[in-house]
Protein backbone atom coordinates (compact mmCIF):
# COMPACT_ATOMS: atom_id res chain seq x y z
CA MET A 1 0.17 0.23 -0.01
CA SER A 2 1.43 3.61 -0.89
CA ILE A 3 0.80 6.02 1.89
CA PRO A 4 0.33 9.76 0.43
CA THR A 5 3.19 11.93 1.46
CA GLY A 6 3.53 16.12 0.78
CA LYS A 7 2.76 16.60 -2.93
CA LYS A 8 5.41 18.29 -4.63
CA ALA A 9 5.70 21.68 -5.31
CA LYS A 10 5.36 23.13 -9.24
CA ALA A 11 8.20 25.10 -10.76
CA GLY A 12 5.26 28.16 -11.29
CA ASP A 13 3.56 27.67 -7.61
CA LEU A 14 7.20 28.71 -6.02
CA GLY A 15 7.65 31.13 -8.80
CA GLU A 16 4.72 32.92 -7.84
CA MET A 17 5.86 32.68 -4.70
CA GLN A 18 8.77 33.91 -5.23
CA ALA A 19 7.08 37.30 -7.22
CA ASN A 20 4.75 37.84 -3.95
CA PHE A 21 8.18 37.59 -1.64
CA GLY A 22 9.34 40.56 -4.08
CA LYS A 23 6.10 42.06 -4.40
CA ALA A 24 5.97 42.40 -0.63
CA VAL A 25 8.93 43.60 0.03
CA MET A 26 9.01 46.48 -2.75
CA LEU A 27 5.10 47.62 -0.64
CA LEU A 28 6.70 47.36 2.12
CA GLU A 29 9.53 49.80 1.50
CA GLN A 30 6.59 52.03 -0.40
CA PHE A 31 4.62 51.70 3.13
CA TYR A 32 6.60 52.59 5.26
CA ARG A 33 7.74 55.92 2.92
CA GLY A 34 3.32 56.46 2.81
CA GLN A 35 3.98 55.61 -0.99
CA SER A 36 1.47 52.05 -0.38
CA GLU A 37 -1.89 51.17 0.80
CA LEU A 38 -2.61 49.61 3.93
CA SER A 39 -4.99 47.09 2.66
CA GLU A 40 -2.96 46.18 -0.21
CA THR A 41 0.31 45.62 1.23
CA LEU A 42 -1.03 43.47 3.81
CA GLY A 43 -3.24 41.85 1.67
CA VAL A 44 0.25 40.65 -0.49
CA LEU A 45 1.86 40.29 2.57
CA ASN A 46 -1.38 38.13 3.41
CA ASP A 47 -1.01 36.22 0.11
CA VAL A 48 2.65 35.50 0.84
CA LEU A 49 2.07 34.26 4.74
CA SER A 50 -0.50 31.77 3.28
CA GLN A 51 1.70 30.81 0.52
CA VAL A 52 4.94 29.96 3.01
CA ALA A 53 2.76 28.29 5.83
CA TYR A 54 1.24 25.99 3.27
CA HIS A 55 4.81 25.10 1.78
CA ARG A 56 5.64 24.66 5.11
CA GLU A 57 2.99 22.14 5.80
CA ASN A 58 3.97 20.16 2.85
CA VAL A 59 7.25 19.89 3.98
CA ILE A 60 6.10 18.84 7.28
CA LYS A 61 4.04 16.22 5.69
CA THR A 62 6.99 14.70 3.46
CA GLY A 63 8.19 13.24 6.73
CA GLN A 64 4.92 12.07 8.21
CA PRO A 65 2.95 10.86 5.24
CA GLU A 66 -0.81 10.67 5.85
CA LEU A 67 -4.00 8.18 4.80
CA GLU A 68 -6.26 9.17 3.33
CA LEU A 69 -9.66 8.07 4.39
CA PHE A 70 -12.12 8.98 1.87
CA GLY A 71 -9.65 10.31 -1.50
CA ASP A 72 -9.71 13.88 -3.14
């Protein structure tokens, strides 16, 4: 029986995360100079944090496989 583990990330997923990191840093720099809106800056920061959290949990799952009880 094969036991599911974390899913391998696609290059596009990692590229999107890297682009969002760059955008977050740019918006933070602009925000601290009063040139970026609070809502836009927080939105991008939340996106980056969500992406990082997803990949963190995915990496953890590679060492702690889960059984699928009901399929996808």
